[in-house]
Amino acid sequence: MKFGILVNEGPYQHQASDTAYQFCKAVLAKGWQVQRVFFYHDGVNNATKLTEPPQDDRNIVQRWSRLAEEHDIDLVVCVAAALRRGIREDNLAPGFRISGLGQLVESGIQADRLVVFGD
């Protein structure tokens, strides 16, 4: 089974990013595939390397980067939503890339399921 994931909320304002991350780990543990994770609206804030949570807190951005590296997952950030929030190529965390909504549409077509996290 191949999954596309859409994350619409930021890493620390809402549980959507944490839940999406845990869902991806569960999918991979089952031997299925995460085809792409698309970050949209405030979800683009999951992609900035400028995030510095306290040492005793989880680093969600780093978690996404590591998951992408370990499992060759495409992490795509919506260009329009990113630019509105000051996120550009030069401040993206490792493993993320900026692209357009066409990548979300493509994910919806290619995946068996597109799962949405956040409003």
N, C-alpha and C. Protein backbone atom coordinates (compact mmCIF):
# COMPACT_ATOMS: atom_id res chain seq x y z
N MET A 1 0.85 -1.17 0.00
CA MET A 1 0.00 0.00 0.00
C MET A 1 0.90 1.23 0.00
N LYS A 2 0.53 2.22 -0.78
CA LYS A 2 1.30 3.45 -0.92
C LYS A 2 0.47 4.63 -0.39
N PHE A 3 1.06 5.40 0.53
CA PHE A 3 0.37 6.52 1.15
C PHE A 3 0.97 7.86 0.75
N GLY A 4 0.11 8.83 0.52
CA GLY A 4 0.49 10.23 0.43
C GLY A 4 -0.02 10.89 1.71
N ILE A 5 0.77 11.82 2.23
CA ILE A 5 0.44 12.46 3.51
C ILE A 5 0.38 13.97 3.28
N LEU A 6 -0.63 14.61 3.85
CA LEU A 6 -0.77 16.07 3.81
C LEU A 6 -0.78 16.58 5.24
N VAL A 7 0.16 17.48 5.55
CA VAL A 7 0.25 18.07 6.89
C VAL A 7 -0.07 19.56 6.78
N ASN A 8 -1.13 19.99 7.46
CA ASN A 8 -1.60 21.38 7.37
C ASN A 8 -1.30 22.24 8.59
N GLU A 9 -0.70 21.67 9.62
CA GLU A 9 -0.47 22.42 10.86
C GLU A 9 1.00 22.45 11.22
N GLY A 10 1.39 23.50 11.94
CA GLY A 10 2.77 23.67 12.37
C GLY A 10 3.19 22.64 13.40
N PRO A 11 4.49 22.58 13.68
CA PRO A 11 5.01 21.52 14.55
C PRO A 11 4.68 21.66 16.03
N TYR A 12 4.42 22.87 16.50
CA TYR A 12 4.22 23.03 17.95
C TYR A 12 2.88 23.67 18.31
N GLN A 13 2.06 24.04 17.34
CA GLN A 13 0.78 24.66 17.64
C GLN A 13 -0.35 23.64 17.69
N HIS A 14 -0.12 22.46 17.17
CA HIS A 14 -1.19 21.49 16.97
C HIS A 14 -0.57 20.10 16.98
N GLN A 15 -1.33 19.09 17.27
CA GLN A 15 -0.80 17.72 17.31
C GLN A 15 -0.70 17.07 15.93
N ALA A 16 -1.17 17.74 14.89
CA ALA A 16 -1.24 17.14 13.56
C ALA A 16 0.12 16.64 13.05
N SER A 17 1.17 17.42 13.25
CA SER A 17 2.48 17.01 12.75
C SER A 17 3.00 15.78 13.49
N ASP A 18 2.87 15.78 14.82
CA ASP A 18 3.27 14.61 15.61
C ASP A 18 2.50 13.37 15.16
N THR A 19 1.20 13.53 14.99
CA THR A 19 0.36 12.40 14.59
C THR A 19 0.73 11.90 13.20
N ALA A 20 0.98 12.82 12.28
CA ALA A 20 1.39 12.45 10.92
C ALA A 20 2.70 11.68 10.94
N TYR A 21 3.64 12.17 11.74
CA TYR A 21 4.94 11.50 11.87
C TYR A 21 4.78 10.08 12.41
N GLN A 22 3.99 9.93 13.47
CA GLN A 22 3.77 8.61 14.05
C GLN A 22 3.03 7.69 13.07
N PHE A 23 2.10 8.26 12.31
CA PHE A 23 1.38 7.49 11.30
C PHE A 23 2.37 6.98 10.25
N CYS A 24 3.27 7.85 9.79
CA CYS A 24 4.27 7.44 8.80
C CYS A 24 5.14 6.30 9.33
N LYS A 25 5.55 6.41 10.58
CA LYS A 25 6.37 5.34 11.18
C LYS A 25 5.60 4.02 11.22
N ALA A 26 4.31 4.08 11.54
CA ALA A 26 3.48 2.88 11.59
C ALA A 26 3.32 2.28 10.19
N VAL A 27 3.12 3.13 9.19
CA VAL A 27 3.00 2.67 7.80
C VAL A 27 4.27 1.93 7.39
N LEU A 28 5.41 2.54 7.67
CA LEU A 28 6.70 1.93 7.30
C LEU A 28 6.94 0.62 8.06
N ALA A 29 6.54 0.57 9.32
CA ALA A 29 6.70 -0.65 10.12
C ALA A 29 5.88 -1.81 9.55
N LYS A 30 4.77 -1.48 8.89
CA LYS A 30 3.93 -2.50 8.26
C LYS A 30 4.51 -2.97 6.93
N GLY A 31 5.58 -2.30 6.48
CA GLY A 31 6.17 -2.66 5.19
C GLY A 31 5.53 -1.94 4.01
N TRP A 32 4.70 -0.96 4.30
CA TRP A 32 4.07 -0.17 3.25
C TRP A 32 4.96 1.03 2.92
N GLN A 33 4.51 1.86 2.00
CA GLN A 33 5.33 2.96 1.51
C GLN A 33 4.68 4.32 1.78
N VAL A 34 5.49 5.29 2.19
CA VAL A 34 5.06 6.68 2.24
C VAL A 34 5.66 7.34 1.00
N GLN A 35 4.80 7.62 0.05
CA GLN A 35 5.24 8.13 -1.25
C GLN A 35 5.71 9.58 -1.16
N ARG A 36 5.00 10.37 -0.39
CA ARG A 36 5.34 11.79 -0.25
C ARG A 36 4.62 12.36 0.96
N VAL A 37 5.27 13.32 1.62
CA VAL A 37 4.62 14.11 2.67
C VAL A 37 4.62 15.54 2.15
N PHE A 38 3.43 16.11 2.02
CA PHE A 38 3.28 17.47 1.51
C PHE A 38 2.88 18.38 2.67
N PHE A 39 3.63 19.45 2.86
CA PHE A 39 3.38 20.40 3.94
C PHE A 39 2.74 21.65 3.36
N TYR A 40 1.57 22.00 3.89
CA TYR A 40 0.76 23.08 3.34
C TYR A 40 0.26 23.96 4.48
N HIS A 41 -0.21 25.14 4.18
CA HIS A 41 -0.67 26.11 5.18
C HIS A 41 0.40 26.27 6.26
N ASP A 42 0.04 26.26 7.54
CA ASP A 42 1.03 26.40 8.61
C ASP A 42 1.92 25.16 8.73
N GLY A 43 1.57 24.10 8.05
CA GLY A 43 2.40 22.89 8.05
C GLY A 43 3.78 23.13 7.48
N VAL A 44 3.95 24.18 6.68
CA VAL A 44 5.27 24.47 6.13
C VAL A 44 6.28 24.81 7.23
N ASN A 45 5.79 25.20 8.40
CA ASN A 45 6.70 25.51 9.51
C ASN A 45 7.42 24.27 10.03
N ASN A 46 7.01 23.10 9.60
CA ASN A 46 7.73 21.86 9.94
C ASN A 46 9.05 21.76 9.20
N ALA A 47 9.27 22.62 8.22
CA ALA A 47 10.42 22.48 7.33
C ALA A 47 11.56 23.46 7.61
N THR A 48 11.41 24.36 8.55
CA THR A 48 12.46 25.36 8.75
C THR A 48 13.55 24.86 9.69
N LYS A 49 14.79 25.04 9.27
CA LYS A 49 15.90 24.65 10.14
C LYS A 49 16.16 25.68 11.23
N LEU A 50 15.39 26.76 11.25
CA LEU A 50 15.56 27.80 12.26
C LEU A 50 14.84 27.46 13.57
N THR A 51 14.08 26.39 13.58
CA THR A 51 13.38 25.96 14.79
C THR A 51 14.38 25.41 15.80
N GLU A 52 14.30 25.90 17.04
CA GLU A 52 15.18 25.40 18.11
C GLU A 52 14.36 25.15 19.37
N PRO A 53 13.76 23.96 19.47
CA PRO A 53 12.99 23.65 20.68
C PRO A 53 13.92 23.46 21.87
N PRO A 54 13.41 23.58 23.09
CA PRO A 54 14.23 23.32 24.28
C PRO A 54 14.80 21.90 24.24
N GLN A 55 15.91 21.69 24.91
CA GLN A 55 16.58 20.38 24.90
C GLN A 55 15.69 19.24 25.38
N ASP A 56 14.78 19.52 26.30
CA ASP A 56 13.94 18.46 26.84
C ASP A 56 12.65 18.26 26.04
N ASP A 57 12.51 18.96 24.92
CA ASP A 57 11.33 18.83 24.07
C ASP A 57 11.71 18.07 22.80
N ARG A 58 10.71 17.52 22.13
CA ARG A 58 10.96 16.80 20.88
C ARG A 58 11.29 17.80 19.78
N ASN A 59 12.17 17.40 18.87
CA ASN A 59 12.53 18.24 17.73
C ASN A 59 11.83 17.65 16.50
N ILE A 60 10.65 18.15 16.23
CA ILE A 60 9.81 17.58 15.17
C ILE A 60 10.46 17.76 13.80
N VAL A 61 11.06 18.91 13.55
CA VAL A 61 11.71 19.15 12.26
C VAL A 61 12.80 18.12 12.03
N GLN A 62 13.60 17.89 13.04
CA GLN A 62 14.69 16.90 12.94
C GLN A 62 14.13 15.49 12.73
N ARG A 63 13.02 15.20 13.37
CA ARG A 63 12.39 13.88 13.19
C ARG A 63 12.01 13.66 11.72
N TRP A 64 11.38 14.67 11.12
CA TRP A 64 10.99 14.56 9.71
C TRP A 64 12.22 14.37 8.83
N SER A 65 13.26 15.16 9.08
CA SER A 65 14.48 15.05 8.27
C SER A 65 15.08 13.65 8.36
N ARG A 66 15.16 13.12 9.56
CA ARG A 66 15.74 11.79 9.76
C ARG A 66 14.88 10.71 9.09
N LEU A 67 13.55 10.82 9.21
CA LEU A 67 12.65 9.85 8.59
C LEU A 67 12.83 9.85 7.07
N ALA A 68 12.93 11.04 6.49
CA ALA A 68 13.12 11.15 5.04
C ALA A 68 14.42 10.52 4.60
N GLU A 69 15.47 10.75 5.37
CA GLU A 69 16.78 10.20 5.02
C GLU A 69 16.80 8.68 5.15
N GLU A 70 16.24 8.17 6.22
CA GLU A 70 16.27 6.73 6.47
C GLU A 70 15.39 5.93 5.53
N HIS A 71 14.29 6.55 5.04
CA HIS A 71 13.31 5.80 4.24
C HIS A 71 13.08 6.39 2.85
N ASP A 72 13.94 7.33 2.45
CA ASP A 72 13.85 7.94 1.12
C ASP A 72 12.44 8.49 0.84
N ILE A 73 11.96 9.30 1.77
CA ILE A 73 10.62 9.90 1.65
C ILE A 73 10.76 11.31 1.10
N ASP A 74 9.93 11.65 0.16
CA ASP A 74 9.90 12.97 -0.45
C ASP A 74 9.12 13.93 0.45
N LEU A 75 9.81 14.91 1.04
CA LEU A 75 9.18 15.92 1.89
C LEU A 75 9.06 17.21 1.08
N VAL A 76 7.84 17.57 0.71
CA VAL A 76 7.60 18.71 -0.17
C VAL A 76 6.87 19.82 0.59
N VAL A 77 7.36 21.03 0.42
CA VAL A 77 6.81 22.21 1.08
C VAL A 77 6.17 23.09 0.01
N CYS A 78 4.92 23.49 0.22
CA CYS A 78 4.22 24.36 -0.73
C CYS A 78 4.93 25.70 -0.83
N VAL A 79 5.30 26.09 -2.04
CA VAL A 79 6.07 27.31 -2.26
C VAL A 79 5.32 28.55 -1.81
N ALA A 80 4.06 28.68 -2.15
CA ALA A 80 3.30 29.89 -1.80
C ALA A 80 3.14 30.01 -0.29
N ALA A 81 2.76 28.92 0.37
CA ALA A 81 2.59 28.94 1.82
C ALA A 81 3.93 29.19 2.52
N ALA A 82 5.00 28.64 1.99
CA ALA A 82 6.32 28.83 2.58
C ALA A 82 6.77 30.28 2.49
N LEU A 83 6.66 30.86 1.32
CA LEU A 83 7.11 32.24 1.14
C LEU A 83 6.32 33.20 2.02
N ARG A 84 5.03 32.95 2.19
CA ARG A 84 4.22 33.79 3.08
C ARG A 84 4.73 33.77 4.52
N ARG A 85 5.39 32.68 4.88
CA ARG A 85 5.86 32.50 6.26
C ARG A 85 7.37 32.66 6.40
N GLY A 86 8.01 33.18 5.35
CA GLY A 86 9.45 33.45 5.41
C GLY A 86 10.33 32.23 5.25
N ILE A 87 9.78 31.17 4.72
CA ILE A 87 10.57 29.96 4.51
C ILE A 87 11.01 29.92 3.06
N ARG A 88 12.34 29.80 2.89
CA ARG A 88 12.94 29.77 1.55
C ARG A 88 13.92 28.61 1.48
N GLU A 89 14.47 28.39 0.30
CA GLU A 89 15.44 27.31 0.11
C GLU A 89 16.59 27.38 1.09
N ASP A 90 17.04 28.59 1.42
CA ASP A 90 18.22 28.73 2.27
C ASP A 90 17.97 28.48 3.75
N ASN A 91 16.72 28.37 4.16
CA ASN A 91 16.47 28.03 5.57
C ASN A 91 15.63 26.76 5.74
N LEU A 92 15.65 25.91 4.71
CA LEU A 92 14.98 24.61 4.80
C LEU A 92 15.85 23.62 5.56
N ALA A 93 15.22 22.80 6.35
CA ALA A 93 15.91 21.71 7.03
C ALA A 93 16.29 20.64 6.01
N PRO A 94 17.29 19.82 6.32
CA PRO A 94 17.68 18.75 5.39
C PRO A 94 16.52 17.82 5.07
N GLY A 95 16.46 17.41 3.81
CA GLY A 95 15.44 16.46 3.38
C GLY A 95 14.18 17.09 2.82
N PHE A 96 13.97 18.39 3.06
CA PHE A 96 12.80 19.10 2.55
C PHE A 96 13.13 19.77 1.23
N ARG A 97 12.11 19.94 0.38
CA ARG A 97 12.27 20.72 -0.84
C ARG A 97 11.01 21.53 -1.07
N ILE A 98 11.16 22.63 -1.78
CA ILE A 98 10.03 23.51 -2.08
C ILE A 98 9.51 23.20 -3.47
N SER A 99 8.20 23.12 -3.60
CA SER A 99 7.58 22.89 -4.90
C SER A 99 6.14 23.41 -4.84
N GLY A 100 5.39 23.17 -5.90
CA GLY A 100 4.04 23.69 -5.99
C GLY A 100 2.97 22.65 -5.66
N LEU A 101 1.73 23.09 -5.76
CA LEU A 101 0.58 22.23 -5.46
C LEU A 101 0.46 21.04 -6.41
N GLY A 102 1.11 21.12 -7.55
CA GLY A 102 1.09 19.99 -8.48
C GLY A 102 1.63 18.72 -7.83
N GLN A 103 2.57 18.89 -6.90
CA GLN A 103 3.13 17.73 -6.19
C GLN A 103 2.08 17.08 -5.28
N LEU A 104 1.20 17.90 -4.72
CA LEU A 104 0.12 17.36 -3.90
C LEU A 104 -0.88 16.60 -4.78
N VAL A 105 -1.23 17.18 -5.91
CA VAL A 105 -2.15 16.53 -6.84
C VAL A 105 -1.56 15.20 -7.32
N GLU A 106 -0.29 15.24 -7.69
CA GLU A 106 0.39 14.02 -8.15
C GLU A 106 0.38 12.94 -7.07
N SER A 107 0.62 13.34 -5.84
CA SER A 107 0.61 12.40 -4.73
C SER A 107 -0.77 11.75 -4.57
N GLY A 108 -1.81 12.57 -4.70
CA GLY A 108 -3.17 12.05 -4.61
C GLY A 108 -3.49 11.06 -5.71
N ILE A 109 -2.89 11.25 -6.87
CA ILE A 109 -3.12 10.35 -8.00
C ILE A 109 -2.31 9.06 -7.85
N GLN A 110 -1.05 9.19 -7.45
CA GLN A 110 -0.15 8.04 -7.41
C GLN A 110 -0.32 7.15 -6.18
N ALA A 111 -0.74 7.74 -5.07
CA ALA A 111 -0.88 6.97 -3.83
C ALA A 111 -2.20 6.22 -3.81
N ASP A 112 -2.23 5.14 -3.04
CA ASP A 112 -3.48 4.43 -2.83
C ASP A 112 -4.40 5.20 -1.89
N ARG A 113 -3.79 5.92 -0.96
CA ARG A 113 -4.55 6.74 0.00
C ARG A 113 -3.81 8.05 0.23
N LEU A 114 -4.55 9.13 0.32
CA LEU A 114 -4.01 10.42 0.72
C LEU A 114 -4.62 10.74 2.08
N VAL A 115 -3.79 10.83 3.11
CA VAL A 115 -4.26 11.03 4.47
C VAL A 115 -3.91 12.44 4.90
N VAL A 116 -4.91 13.16 5.42
CA VAL A 116 -4.76 14.57 5.78
C VAL A 116 -4.69 14.72 7.30
N PHE A 117 -3.70 15.51 7.75
CA PHE A 117 -3.54 15.79 9.17
C PHE A 117 -3.65 17.29 9.39
N GLY A 118 -4.61 17.71 10.20
CA GLY A 118 -4.85 19.12 10.47
C GLY A 118 -5.94 19.67 9.58
N ASP A 119 -6.44 20.84 9.97
CA ASP A 119 -7.54 21.48 9.23
C ASP A 119 -7.10 22.01 7.89
